[in-house]
Amino acid sequence: DGDTEYPTICGTGTEDYFCGSYNFETPLTHDS
């Protein structure tokens, strides 16, 4: 609705937008 250079909604990262966090890592081993 008229936004040009800057958006109205801006997320904080790709995994954040897809409702994950921290690289989608396995929480216990952090290796996959």
PDB file of all heavy atoms in Angstrom:
ATOM      1  N   ASP A   1       0.802  -1.223   0.000  1.00  0.00           N
ATOM      2  CA  ASP A   1       0.000   0.000   0.000  1.00  0.00           C
ATOM      3  C   ASP A   1       0.836   1.275   0.000  1.00  0.00           C
ATOM      4  O   ASP A   1       0.686   2.149   0.860  1.00  0.00           O
ATOM      5  CB  ASP A   1      -0.946   0.004   1.204  1.00  0.00           C
ATOM      6  CG  ASP A   1      -1.878  -1.195   1.207  1.00  0.00           C
ATOM      7  OD1 ASP A   1      -2.092  -1.772   0.125  1.00  0.00           O
ATOM      8  OD2 ASP A   1      -2.380  -1.561   2.279  1.00  0.00           O
ATOM      9  N   GLY A   2       1.725   1.377  -0.968  1.00  0.00           N
ATOM     10  CA  GLY A   2       2.506   2.601  -1.103  1.00  0.00           C
ATOM     11  C   GLY A   2       3.892   2.545  -0.531  1.00  0.00           C
ATOM     12  O   GLY A   2       4.668   3.500  -0.687  1.00  0.00           O
ATOM     13  N   ASP A   3       4.276   1.463   0.159  1.00  0.00           N
ATOM     14  CA  ASP A   3       5.659   1.335   0.628  1.00  0.00           C
ATOM     15  C   ASP A   3       6.600   1.392  -0.572  1.00  0.00           C
ATOM     16  O   ASP A   3       6.335   0.809  -1.619  1.00  0.00           O
ATOM     17  CB  ASP A   3       5.876   0.002   1.345  1.00  0.00           C
ATOM     18  CG  ASP A   3       5.202  -0.057   2.710  1.00  0.00           C
ATOM     19  OD1 ASP A   3       4.857   1.005   3.243  1.00  0.00           O
ATOM     20  OD2 ASP A   3       5.035  -1.176   3.231  1.00  0.00           O
ATOM     21  N   THR A   4       7.724   2.080  -0.412  1.00  0.00           N
ATOM     22  CA  THR A   4       8.709   2.174  -1.491  1.00  0.00           C
ATOM     23  C   THR A   4      10.034   1.558  -1.052  1.00  0.00           C
ATOM     24  O   THR A   4      10.257   0.372  -1.230  1.00  0.00           O
ATOM     25  CB  THR A   4       8.891   3.633  -1.924  1.00  0.00           C
ATOM     26  OG1 THR A   4       9.206   4.449  -0.777  1.00  0.00           O
ATOM     27  CG2 THR A   4       7.622   4.168  -2.584  1.00  0.00           C
ATOM     28  N   GLU A   5      10.902   2.355  -0.464  1.00  0.00           N
ATOM     29  CA  GLU A   5      12.219   1.837  -0.089  1.00  0.00           C
ATOM     30  C   GLU A   5      12.165   0.941   1.138  1.00  0.00           C
ATOM     31  O   GLU A   5      12.933  -0.029   1.249  1.00  0.00           O
ATOM     32  CB  GLU A   5      13.171   3.008   0.170  1.00  0.00           C
ATOM     33  CG  GLU A   5      14.602   2.576   0.447  1.00  0.00           C
ATOM     34  CD  GLU A   5      15.558   3.745   0.596  1.00  0.00           C
ATOM     35  OE1 GLU A   5      15.092   4.912   0.467  1.00  0.00           O
ATOM     36  OE2 GLU A   5      16.763   3.498   0.833  1.00  0.00           O
ATOM     37  N   TYR A   6      11.268   1.238   2.052  1.00  0.00           N
ATOM     38  CA  TYR A   6      11.233   0.502   3.319  1.00  0.00           C
ATOM     39  C   TYR A   6       9.868  -0.160   3.507  1.00  0.00           C
ATOM     40  O   TYR A   6       8.836   0.416   3.188  1.00  0.00           O
ATOM     41  CB  TYR A   6      11.534   1.443   4.489  1.00  0.00           C
ATOM     42  CG  TYR A   6      12.909   2.062   4.393  1.00  0.00           C
ATOM     43  CD1 TYR A   6      13.058   3.397   4.024  1.00  0.00           C
ATOM     44  CD2 TYR A   6      14.048   1.305   4.638  1.00  0.00           C
ATOM     45  CE1 TYR A   6      14.316   3.961   3.920  1.00  0.00           C
ATOM     46  CE2 TYR A   6      15.313   1.866   4.529  1.00  0.00           C
ATOM     47  CZ  TYR A   6      15.443   3.193   4.170  1.00  0.00           C
ATOM     48  OH  TYR A   6      16.687   3.745   4.057  1.00  0.00           O
ATOM     49  N   PRO A   7       9.866  -1.396   4.064  1.00  0.00           N
ATOM     50  CA  PRO A   7       8.620  -2.152   4.176  1.00  0.00           C
ATOM     51  C   PRO A   7       7.866  -1.849   5.467  1.00  0.00           C
ATOM     52  O   PRO A   7       8.442  -1.370   6.450  1.00  0.00           O
ATOM     53  CB  PRO A   7       9.115  -3.596   4.181  1.00  0.00           C
ATOM     54  CG  PRO A   7      10.437  -3.507   4.899  1.00  0.00           C
ATOM     55  CD  PRO A   7      11.042  -2.189   4.466  1.00  0.00           C
ATOM     56  N   THR A   8       6.605  -2.197   5.473  1.00  0.00           N
ATOM     57  CA  THR A   8       5.817  -2.114   6.696  1.00  0.00           C
ATOM     58  C   THR A   8       6.124  -3.280   7.627  1.00  0.00           C
ATOM     59  O   THR A   8       6.200  -3.114   8.845  1.00  0.00           O
ATOM     60  CB  THR A   8       4.312  -2.098   6.350  1.00  0.00           C
ATOM     61  OG1 THR A   8       4.020  -0.902   5.635  1.00  0.00           O
ATOM     62  CG2 THR A   8       3.450  -2.154   7.598  1.00  0.00           C
ATOM     63  N   ILE A   9       6.300  -4.471   7.067  1.00  0.00           N
ATOM     64  CA  ILE A   9       6.597  -5.663   7.867  1.00  0.00           C
ATOM     65  C   ILE A   9       7.962  -6.183   7.472  1.00  0.00           C
ATOM     66  O   ILE A   9       8.237  -6.432   6.302  1.00  0.00           O
ATOM     67  CB  ILE A   9       5.533  -6.745   7.658  1.00  0.00           C
ATOM     68  CG1 ILE A   9       4.162  -6.231   8.132  1.00  0.00           C
ATOM     69  CG2 ILE A   9       5.913  -8.037   8.387  1.00  0.00           C
ATOM     70  CD1 ILE A   9       3.023  -7.194   7.867  1.00  0.00           C
ATOM     71  N   CYS A  10       8.840  -6.328   8.474  1.00  0.00           N
ATOM     72  CA  CYS A  10      10.202  -6.797   8.240  1.00  0.00           C
ATOM     73  C   CYS A  10      10.549  -7.855   9.271  1.00  0.00           C
ATOM     74  O   CYS A  10      10.526  -7.594  10.474  1.00  0.00           O
ATOM     75  CB  CYS A  10      11.185  -5.629   8.330  1.00  0.00           C
ATOM     76  SG  CYS A  10      12.899  -6.098   7.968  1.00  0.00           S
ATOM     77  N   GLY A  11      10.837  -9.072   8.809  1.00  0.00           N
ATOM     78  CA  GLY A  11      11.226 -10.145   9.713  1.00  0.00           C
ATOM     79  C   GLY A  11      12.672 -10.029  10.147  1.00  0.00           C
ATOM     80  O   GLY A  11      13.411  -9.135   9.720  1.00  0.00           O
ATOM     81  N   THR A  12      13.110 -10.962  10.978  1.00  0.00           N
ATOM     82  CA  THR A  12      14.455 -10.901  11.553  1.00  0.00           C
ATOM     83  C   THR A  12      15.385 -11.988  11.041  1.00  0.00           C
ATOM     84  O   THR A  12      16.548 -12.038  11.439  1.00  0.00           O
ATOM     85  CB  THR A  12      14.369 -11.001  13.081  1.00  0.00           C
ATOM     86  OG1 THR A  12      13.718 -12.231  13.447  1.00  0.00           O
ATOM     87  CG2 THR A  12      13.591  -9.824  13.659  1.00  0.00           C
ATOM     88  N   GLY A  13      14.904 -12.867  10.174  1.00  0.00           N
ATOM     89  CA  GLY A  13      15.762 -13.913   9.632  1.00  0.00           C
ATOM     90  C   GLY A  13      14.928 -14.998   8.988  1.00  0.00           C
ATOM     91  O   GLY A  13      13.724 -15.125   9.262  1.00  0.00           O
ATOM     92  N   THR A  14      15.567 -15.775   8.121  1.00  0.00           N
ATOM     93  CA  THR A  14      14.832 -16.781   7.361  1.00  0.00           C
ATOM     94  C   THR A  14      14.228 -17.844   8.267  1.00  0.00           C
ATOM     95  O   THR A  14      13.042 -18.178   8.156  1.00  0.00           O
ATOM     96  CB  THR A  14      15.761 -17.427   6.320  1.00  0.00           C
ATOM     97  OG1 THR A  14      16.284 -16.402   5.464  1.00  0.00           O
ATOM     98  CG2 THR A  14      15.013 -18.442   5.479  1.00  0.00           C
ATOM     99  N   GLU A  15      15.019 -18.408   9.187  1.00  0.00           N
ATOM    100  CA  GLU A  15      14.474 -19.439  10.054  1.00  0.00           C
ATOM    101  C   GLU A  15      13.428 -18.868  11.006  1.00  0.00           C
ATOM    102  O   GLU A  15      12.489 -19.560  11.421  1.00  0.00           O
ATOM    103  CB  GLU A  15      15.576 -20.175  10.817  1.00  0.00           C
ATOM    104  CG  GLU A  15      16.118 -19.465  12.058  1.00  0.00           C
ATOM    105  CD  GLU A  15      17.298 -18.576  11.749  1.00  0.00           C
ATOM    106  OE1 GLU A  15      17.185 -17.742  10.827  1.00  0.00           O
ATOM    107  OE2 GLU A  15      18.329 -18.697  12.434  1.00  0.00           O
ATOM    108  N   ASP A  16      13.548 -17.574  11.329  1.00  0.00           N
ATOM    109  CA  ASP A  16      12.552 -16.941  12.192  1.00  0.00           C
ATOM    110  C   ASP A  16      11.208 -16.843  11.467  1.00  0.00           C
ATOM    111  O   ASP A  16      10.149 -17.102  12.049  1.00  0.00           O
ATOM    112  CB  ASP A  16      13.016 -15.544  12.604  1.00  0.00           C
ATOM    113  CG  ASP A  16      14.439 -15.545  13.148  1.00  0.00           C
ATOM    114  OD1 ASP A  16      14.868 -16.606  13.631  1.00  0.00           O
ATOM    115  OD2 ASP A  16      15.106 -14.507  13.060  1.00  0.00           O
ATOM    116  N   TYR A  17      11.246 -16.455  10.195  1.00  0.00           N
ATOM    117  CA  TYR A  17      10.003 -16.337   9.425  1.00  0.00           C
ATOM    118  C   TYR A  17       9.299 -17.681   9.316  1.00  0.00           C
ATOM    119  O   TYR A  17       8.063 -17.756   9.391  1.00  0.00           O
ATOM    120  CB  TYR A  17      10.284 -15.782   8.027  1.00  0.00           C
ATOM    121  CG  TYR A  17       9.072 -15.836   7.128  1.00  0.00           C
ATOM    122  CD1 TYR A  17       7.959 -15.029   7.374  1.00  0.00           C
ATOM    123  CD2 TYR A  17       9.022 -16.720   6.047  1.00  0.00           C
ATOM    124  CE1 TYR A  17       6.832 -15.101   6.564  1.00  0.00           C
ATOM    125  CE2 TYR A  17       7.900 -16.789   5.234  1.00  0.00           C
ATOM    126  CZ  TYR A  17       6.806 -15.982   5.499  1.00  0.00           C
ATOM    127  OH  TYR A  17       5.686 -16.061   4.704  1.00  0.00           O
ATOM    128  N   PHE A  18      10.059 -18.758   9.152  1.00  0.00           N
ATOM    129  CA  PHE A  18       9.461 -20.078   9.043  1.00  0.00           C
ATOM    130  C   PHE A  18       9.238 -20.716  10.411  1.00  0.00           C
ATOM    131  O   PHE A  18       9.060 -21.924  10.533  1.00  0.00           O
ATOM    132  CB  PHE A  18      10.316 -20.969   8.147  1.00  0.00           C
ATOM    133  CG  PHE A  18      10.247 -20.568   6.692  1.00  0.00           C
ATOM    134  CD1 PHE A  18      11.254 -19.809   6.112  1.00  0.00           C
ATOM    135  CD2 PHE A  18       9.153 -20.916   5.915  1.00  0.00           C
ATOM    136  CE1 PHE A  18      11.186 -19.423   4.777  1.00  0.00           C
ATOM    137  CE2 PHE A  18       9.072 -20.536   4.581  1.00  0.00           C
ATOM    138  CZ  PHE A  18      10.081 -19.782   4.011  1.00  0.00           C
ATOM    139  N   CYS A  19       9.256 -19.871  11.446  1.00  0.00           N
ATOM    140  CA  CYS A  19       8.859 -20.221  12.815  1.00  0.00           C
ATOM    141  C   CYS A  19       9.801 -21.213  13.484  1.00  0.00           C
ATOM    142  O   CYS A  19       9.397 -21.986  14.360  1.00  0.00           O
ATOM    143  CB  CYS A  19       7.425 -20.740  12.842  1.00  0.00           C
ATOM    144  SG  CYS A  19       6.224 -19.549  12.213  1.00  0.00           S
ATOM    145  N   GLY A  20      11.081 -21.202  13.078  1.00  0.00           N
ATOM    146  CA  GLY A  20      12.118 -21.942  13.770  1.00  0.00           C
ATOM    147  C   GLY A  20      13.089 -20.967  14.403  1.00  0.00           C
ATOM    148  O   GLY A  20      12.815 -19.763  14.511  1.00  0.00           O
ATOM    149  N   SER A  21      14.243 -21.475  14.817  1.00  0.00           N
ATOM    150  CA  SER A  21      15.275 -20.591  15.365  1.00  0.00           C
ATOM    151  C   SER A  21      16.616 -21.312  15.349  1.00  0.00           C
ATOM    152  O   SER A  21      16.685 -22.530  15.162  1.00  0.00           O
ATOM    153  CB  SER A  21      14.929 -20.169  16.808  1.00  0.00           C
ATOM    154  OG  SER A  21      14.986 -21.280  17.697  1.00  0.00           O
ATOM    155  N   TYR A  22      17.659 -20.539  15.522  1.00  0.00           N
ATOM    156  CA  TYR A  22      19.024 -21.055  15.653  1.00  0.00           C
ATOM    157  C   TYR A  22      19.344 -22.125  14.609  1.00  0.00           C
ATOM    158  O   TYR A  22      19.696 -23.265  14.917  1.00  0.00           O
ATOM    159  CB  TYR A  22      19.274 -21.573  17.073  1.00  0.00           C
ATOM    160  CG  TYR A  22      19.307 -20.459  18.094  1.00  0.00           C
ATOM    161  CD1 TYR A  22      18.279 -20.315  19.009  1.00  0.00           C
ATOM    162  CD2 TYR A  22      20.343 -19.529  18.105  1.00  0.00           C
ATOM    163  CE1 TYR A  22      18.289 -19.273  19.932  1.00  0.00           C
ATOM    164  CE2 TYR A  22      20.367 -18.488  19.030  1.00  0.00           C
ATOM    165  CZ  TYR A  22      19.336 -18.360  19.932  1.00  0.00           C
ATOM    166  OH  TYR A  22      19.336 -17.333  20.831  1.00  0.00           O
ATOM    167  N   ASN A  23      19.199 -21.723  13.336  1.00  0.00           N
ATOM    168  CA  ASN A  23      19.659 -22.542  12.212  1.00  0.00           C
ATOM    169  C   ASN A  23      18.883 -23.840  12.030  1.00  0.00           C
ATOM    170  O   ASN A  23      19.349 -24.727  11.304  1.00  0.00           O
ATOM    171  CB  ASN A  23      21.147 -22.893  12.348  1.00  0.00           C
ATOM    172  CG  ASN A  23      22.017 -21.695  12.603  1.00  0.00           C
ATOM    173  OD1 ASN A  23      21.589 -20.551  12.459  1.00  0.00           O
ATOM    174  ND2 ASN A  23      23.249 -21.938  12.988  1.00  0.00           N
ATOM    175  N   PHE A  24      17.739 -23.985  12.677  1.00  0.00           N
ATOM    176  CA  PHE A  24      16.983 -25.242  12.638  1.00  0.00           C
ATOM    177  C   PHE A  24      17.829 -26.406  13.161  1.00  0.00           C
ATOM    178  O   PHE A  24      17.625 -27.565  12.772  1.00  0.00           O
ATOM    179  CB  PHE A  24      16.508 -25.574  11.218  1.00  0.00           C
ATOM    180  CG  PHE A  24      15.592 -24.560  10.587  1.00  0.00           C
ATOM    181  CD1 PHE A  24      15.967 -23.916   9.416  1.00  0.00           C
ATOM    182  CD2 PHE A  24      14.359 -24.258  11.140  1.00  0.00           C
ATOM    183  CE1 PHE A  24      15.129 -22.989   8.816  1.00  0.00           C
ATOM    184  CE2 PHE A  24      13.515 -23.337  10.545  1.00  0.00           C
ATOM    185  CZ  PHE A  24      13.893 -22.697   9.384  1.00  0.00           C
ATOM    186  N   GLU A  25      18.782 -26.121  14.043  1.00  0.00           N
ATOM    187  CA  GLU A  25      19.685 -27.176  14.518  1.00  0.00           C
ATOM    188  C   GLU A  25      18.979 -28.130  15.475  1.00  0.00           C
ATOM    189  O   GLU A  25      18.079 -27.740  16.225  1.00  0.00           O
ATOM    190  CB  GLU A  25      20.878 -26.556  15.249  1.00  0.00           C
ATOM    191  CG  GLU A  25      21.843 -25.813  14.355  1.00  0.00           C
ATOM    192  CD  GLU A  25      22.993 -25.216  15.137  1.00  0.00           C
ATOM    193  OE1 GLU A  25      23.086 -25.477  16.352  1.00  0.00           O
ATOM    194  OE2 GLU A  25      23.801 -24.490  14.538  1.00  0.00           O
ATOM    195  N   THR A  26      19.428 -29.389  15.456  1.00  0.00           N
ATOM    196  CA  THR A  26      19.002 -30.333  16.479  1.00  0.00           C
ATOM    197  C   THR A  26      19.456 -29.805  17.832  1.00  0.00           C
ATOM    198  O   THR A  26      20.652 -29.595  18.056  1.00  0.00           O
ATOM    199  CB  THR A  26      19.617 -31.717  16.214  1.00  0.00           C
ATOM    200  OG1 THR A  26      19.240 -32.159  14.902  1.00  0.00           O
ATOM    201  CG2 THR A  26      19.153 -32.723  17.255  1.00  0.00           C
ATOM    202  N   PRO A  27      18.554 -29.547  18.762  1.00  0.00           N
ATOM    203  CA  PRO A  27      18.908 -28.817  19.986  1.00  0.00           C
ATOM    204  C   PRO A  27      19.951 -29.486  20.864  1.00  0.00           C
ATOM    205  O   PRO A  27      20.725 -28.803  21.538  1.00  0.00           O
ATOM    206  CB  PRO A  27      17.561 -28.714  20.720  1.00  0.00           C
ATOM    207  CG  PRO A  27      16.531 -28.842  19.667  1.00  0.00           C
ATOM    208  CD  PRO A  27      17.106 -29.784  18.660  1.00  0.00           C
ATOM    209  N   LEU A  28      20.005 -30.803  20.885  1.00  0.00           N
ATOM    210  CA  LEU A  28      20.919 -31.480  21.803  1.00  0.00           C
ATOM    211  C   LEU A  28      22.326 -31.621  21.238  1.00  0.00           C
ATOM    212  O   LEU A  28      23.311 -31.383  21.937  1.00  0.00           O
ATOM    213  CB  LEU A  28      20.355 -32.857  22.175  1.00  0.00           C
ATOM    214  CG  LEU A  28      19.022 -32.844  22.937  1.00  0.00           C
ATOM    215  CD1 LEU A  28      18.560 -34.265  23.212  1.00  0.00           C
ATOM    216  CD2 LEU A  28      19.157 -32.062  24.237  1.00  0.00           C
ATOM    217  N   THR A  29      22.448 -32.013  19.981  1.00  0.00           N
ATOM    218  CA  THR A  29      23.770 -32.292  19.422  1.00  0.00           C
ATOM    219  C   THR A  29      24.320 -31.155  18.570  1.00  0.00           C
ATOM    220  O   THR A  29      25.526 -31.076  18.356  1.00  0.00           O
ATOM    221  CB  THR A  29      23.717 -33.571  18.568  1.00  0.00           C
ATOM    222  OG1 THR A  29      22.773 -33.377  17.502  1.00  0.00           O
ATOM    223  CG2 THR A  29      23.268 -34.761  19.421  1.00  0.00           C
ATOM    224  N   HIS A  30      23.458 -30.305  18.034  1.00  0.00           N
ATOM    225  CA  HIS A  30      23.867 -29.167  17.196  1.00  0.00           C
ATOM    226  C   HIS A  30      24.708 -29.606  15.991  1.00  0.00           C
ATOM    227  O   HIS A  30      25.567 -28.857  15.525  1.00  0.00           O
ATOM    228  CB  HIS A  30      24.658 -28.143  18.030  1.00  0.00           C
ATOM    229  CG  HIS A  30      23.917 -27.643  19.220  1.00  0.00           C
ATOM    230  ND1 HIS A  30      22.901 -26.721  19.140  1.00  0.00           N
ATOM    231  CD2 HIS A  30      24.028 -27.968  20.539  1.00  0.00           C
ATOM    232  CE1 HIS A  30      22.430 -26.464  20.353  1.00  0.00           C
ATOM    233  NE2 HIS A  30      23.087 -27.217  21.215  1.00  0.00           N
ATOM    234  N   ASP A  31      24.463 -30.811  15.488  1.00  0.00           N
ATOM    235  CA  ASP A  31      25.274 -31.304  14.375  1.00  0.00           C
ATOM    236  C   ASP A  31      24.456 -31.649  13.138  1.00  0.00           C
ATOM    237  O   ASP A  31      24.986 -32.209  12.174  1.00  0.00           O
ATOM    238  CB  ASP A  31      26.080 -32.537  14.818  1.00  0.00           C
ATOM    239  CG  ASP A  31      25.197 -33.698  15.242  1.00  0.00           C
ATOM    240  OD1 ASP A  31      23.952 -33.530  15.278  1.00  0.00           O
ATOM    241  OD2 ASP A  31      25.740 -34.777  15.545  1.00  0.00           O
ATOM    242  N   SER A  32      23.160 -31.313  13.135  1.00  0.00           N
ATOM    243  CA  SER A  32      22.314 -31.631  11.985  1.00  0.00           C
ATOM    244  C   SER A  32      21.069 -30.756  12.020  1.00  0.00           C
ATOM    245  O   SER A  32      20.767 -30.114  13.031  1.00  0.00           O
ATOM    246  CB  SER A  32      21.930 -33.112  11.982  1.00  0.00           C
ATOM    247  OG  SER A  32      21.171 -33.429  13.138  1.00  0.00           O
TER     248      SER A  32
END
